[in-house]
Protein backbone atom coordinates (compact mmCIF):
# COMPACT_ATOMS: atom_id res chain seq x y z
CA MET A 1 -5.65 115.08 158.05
CA SER A 2 -7.66 112.00 159.33
CA GLU A 3 -6.89 108.47 159.76
CA ILE A 4 -7.68 106.99 156.44
CA GLU A 5 -4.16 104.99 154.97
CA GLN A 6 -3.07 105.61 151.57
CA PRO A 7 -4.09 102.88 149.54
CA ALA A 8 -0.40 102.64 148.24
CA LEU A 9 1.31 101.71 151.56
CA ARG A 10 -1.41 98.82 152.61
CA SER A 11 -1.36 97.23 149.53
CA LYS A 12 -0.23 93.82 149.71
CA GLY A 13 2.60 94.25 147.20
CA HIS A 14 3.89 97.24 148.74
CA SER A 15 7.11 96.67 151.37
CA VAL A 16 7.02 99.39 154.19
CA THR A 17 10.49 101.13 153.87
CA VAL A 18 12.00 103.44 156.66
CA ASP A 19 11.60 106.31 154.21
CA ASP A 20 7.27 105.14 154.69
CA VAL A 21 7.94 105.90 158.28
CA ARG A 22 9.98 108.96 157.85
CA GLU A 23 7.42 110.67 155.41
CA LEU A 24 4.52 109.57 157.48
CA ALA A 25 5.80 110.78 161.00
CA GLY A 26 8.45 113.72 159.85
CA ALA A 27 6.11 117.11 160.01
CA ALA A 28 3.57 115.73 162.92
CA THR A 29 2.14 118.65 165.20
CA PRO A 30 1.07 118.26 168.59
CA HIS A 31 -2.74 118.43 166.72
CA PHE A 32 -2.23 115.62 165.26
CA SER A 33 0.03 113.18 166.89
CA LEU A 34 -2.00 110.40 167.85
CA HIS A 35 -3.47 110.24 164.60
CA ILE A 36 -0.12 109.61 163.15
CA ARG A 37 1.21 107.38 165.81
CA ASN A 38 -1.94 105.06 165.12
CA ARG A 39 -1.30 105.27 161.23
CA LEU A 40 1.75 104.27 162.31
CA ARG A 41 0.98 101.09 164.35
CA ARG A 42 -1.42 99.60 161.60
CA LEU A 43 1.35 100.35 159.06
CA VAL A 44 3.86 98.35 160.43
CA GLU A 45 1.49 95.65 162.63
CA PRO A 46 2.35 93.03 160.10
CA LEU A 47 6.11 93.23 160.37
CA SER A 48 8.62 91.55 162.19
CA ALA A 49 10.24 92.98 165.68
CA ASP A 50 13.86 93.35 163.74
CA ASP A 51 12.47 95.27 160.86
CA PRO A 52 14.34 98.38 160.46
CA ALA A 53 10.84 100.11 159.37
CA ARG A 54 8.91 98.86 162.58
CA ARG A 55 12.30 99.45 164.90
CA LEU A 56 11.65 103.01 163.79
CA ALA A 57 8.31 103.57 163.93
CA GLU A 58 8.64 102.38 167.46
CA LEU A 59 10.49 105.09 168.18
CA GLU A 60 8.36 107.54 166.11
CA ILE A 61 5.39 106.28 168.09
CA THR A 62 7.31 106.98 171.81
CA ARG A 63 8.54 110.87 170.27
CA LEU A 64 4.67 111.54 168.82
CA GLU A 65 3.05 110.36 172.12
CA LEU A 66 5.24 113.08 174.31
CA LEU A 67 4.62 115.28 171.54
CA ALA A 68 0.99 115.14 171.49
CA VAL A 69 1.24 116.10 175.70
CA GLU A 70 4.05 117.84 176.02
CA GLY A 71 3.98 120.55 172.18
CA GLU A 72 0.60 121.37 173.92
CA ARG A 73 2.72 122.80 176.75
CA GLY A 74 5.24 123.93 175.00
CA ASN A 75 7.70 121.68 177.61
CA GLY A 76 10.09 120.32 174.97
CA SER A 77 12.68 118.99 177.45
CA ASP A 78 11.11 115.45 177.00
CA LEU A 79 10.96 115.01 173.20
CA GLU A 80 14.39 116.55 172.75
CA ARG A 81 15.71 113.68 174.97
CA VAL A 82 14.29 111.57 172.45
CA THR A 83 14.30 112.85 169.26
CA GLY A 84 17.98 113.74 169.88
């Protein structure tokens, strides 16, 4: 996994959707979670604060940051609280 973006997601004609965020963040593992977090940040950066895709990305970013730390330790209690 690299932090290189999928060109279609960053093209001028593409509107970022909630499904784009879910697809990118869904199968994250602790090892790659911070790479995915960075990709999500760049993806939703131009969106307004109230955009549904950005709001979901912000929740996913929190989850990914916890996954990076807690997932490696095997302690999922905080992670479960965020993902509900």
